Protein backbone atom coordinates (compact mmCIF):
# COMPACT_ATOMS: atom_id res chain seq x y z
CA MET A 1 -59.98 39.61 -16.41
CA THR A 2 -56.81 37.93 -15.12
CA ARG A 3 -53.40 38.25 -16.67
CA ILE A 4 -51.40 35.14 -17.51
CA THR A 5 -47.83 34.62 -18.58
CA ALA A 6 -47.42 34.01 -22.29
CA ARG A 7 -46.41 30.40 -22.92
CA SER A 8 -44.35 31.41 -25.94
CA ARG A 9 -42.17 33.72 -23.80
CA ARG A 10 -41.55 30.94 -21.32
CA ILE A 11 -40.55 28.52 -24.07
CA VAL A 12 -38.16 31.04 -25.63
CA LYS A 13 -36.57 31.69 -22.23
CA LEU A 14 -36.17 27.97 -21.52
CA LYS A 15 -34.45 27.45 -24.87
CA ALA A 16 -32.13 30.36 -24.15
CA VAL A 17 -31.31 28.93 -20.71
CA LYS A 18 -30.58 25.53 -22.20
CA LEU A 19 -28.20 27.02 -24.76
CA GLU A 20 -26.49 29.07 -22.06
CA LEU A 21 -26.00 25.99 -19.87
CA LEU A 22 -24.55 24.10 -22.82
CA ARG A 23 -22.22 27.04 -23.46
CA ARG A 24 -21.11 26.94 -19.81
CA HIS A 25 -20.51 23.19 -19.85
CA SER A 26 -17.18 23.50 -18.03
CA ALA A 27 -18.64 25.59 -15.20
CA THR A 28 -18.94 24.23 -11.70
CA VAL A 29 -22.24 23.10 -10.26
CA THR A 30 -22.21 26.16 -8.01
CA GLU A 31 -21.96 28.46 -11.04
CA TYR A 32 -24.80 26.56 -12.72
CA GLY A 33 -26.90 27.02 -9.60
CA ARG A 34 -26.14 30.75 -9.36
CA TYR A 35 -27.11 31.29 -12.99
CA LEU A 36 -30.36 29.33 -12.70
CA ARG A 37 -31.20 31.08 -9.43
CA SER A 38 -30.76 34.48 -11.08
CA VAL A 39 -33.05 33.45 -13.95
CA LEU A 40 -35.70 32.17 -11.56
CA LEU A 41 -35.53 35.16 -9.23
CA GLY A 42 -35.84 37.50 -12.20
CA HIS A 43 -39.03 35.76 -13.26
CA TRP A 44 -40.42 35.85 -9.73
CA TYR A 45 -39.64 39.58 -9.48
CA TYR A 46 -40.97 40.61 -12.89
CA GLY A 47 -43.68 37.96 -13.16
CA VAL A 48 -47.38 38.61 -13.48
CA PRO A 49 -48.88 39.07 -9.99
CA PHE A 50 -50.75 36.06 -8.58
CA ASN A 51 -49.59 33.84 -11.43
CA VAL A 52 -47.82 31.35 -9.21
CA THR A 53 -48.79 28.37 -11.34
CA ALA A 54 -46.81 29.59 -14.36
CA LEU A 55 -43.82 30.36 -12.15
CA LYS A 56 -43.94 26.88 -10.63
CA VAL A 57 -44.02 25.38 -14.14
CA LEU A 58 -40.98 27.49 -15.06
CA ARG A 59 -39.15 26.24 -11.98
CA GLN A 60 -39.98 22.62 -12.80
CA ASN A 61 -38.80 23.08 -16.38
CA LEU A 62 -35.54 24.70 -15.22
CA SER A 63 -35.00 21.79 -12.86
CA ARG A 64 -35.60 19.31 -15.67
CA ILE A 65 -33.16 21.12 -17.96
CA TRP A 66 -30.53 21.30 -15.23
CA LYS A 67 -30.77 17.56 -14.60
CA ALA A 68 -30.62 16.78 -18.32
CA ILE A 69 -27.59 19.02 -18.88
CA GLY A 70 -25.93 17.64 -15.75
CA PHE A 71 -25.83 14.19 -17.28
CA LEU A 72 -24.11 15.63 -20.36
CA ARG A 73 -21.35 17.26 -18.32
CA PRO A 74 -18.01 15.49 -18.53
CA PRO A 75 -16.48 14.37 -15.26
CA ARG A 76 -13.89 16.69 -13.79
CA SER A 77 -10.38 16.10 -15.02
CA LEU A 78 -9.25 12.88 -13.40
CA ASP A 79 -5.53 13.58 -13.62
CA THR A 80 -5.76 16.66 -11.36
CA GLU A 81 -8.21 15.32 -8.79
CA ASN A 82 -7.03 11.73 -8.42
CA PRO A 83 -3.32 11.40 -7.63
CA LEU A 84 -3.41 7.68 -8.42
CA VAL A 85 -4.49 8.35 -11.99
CA ALA A 86 -1.90 11.14 -12.35
CA ALA A 87 0.90 8.78 -11.27
CA GLN A 88 0.15 6.22 -13.98
């Protein structure tokens, strides 16, 4: 009998990650990456042995969420980064 990761746990975790990324909407891309890396490494460490398929699916879903949230992020403040805009 082989053990598999419960789909419901994965879905709950993905929803929690999505809410956390929305909460951190002003964070830098590096901070986003650190957070997602910690989530993924935690699942790899505590995951069911030899259940690589479920872990790959989790990684793909995290990547999809990151890309979707990335498009929702506002651009960095233009007045501080672009001196031409600040002068106007």
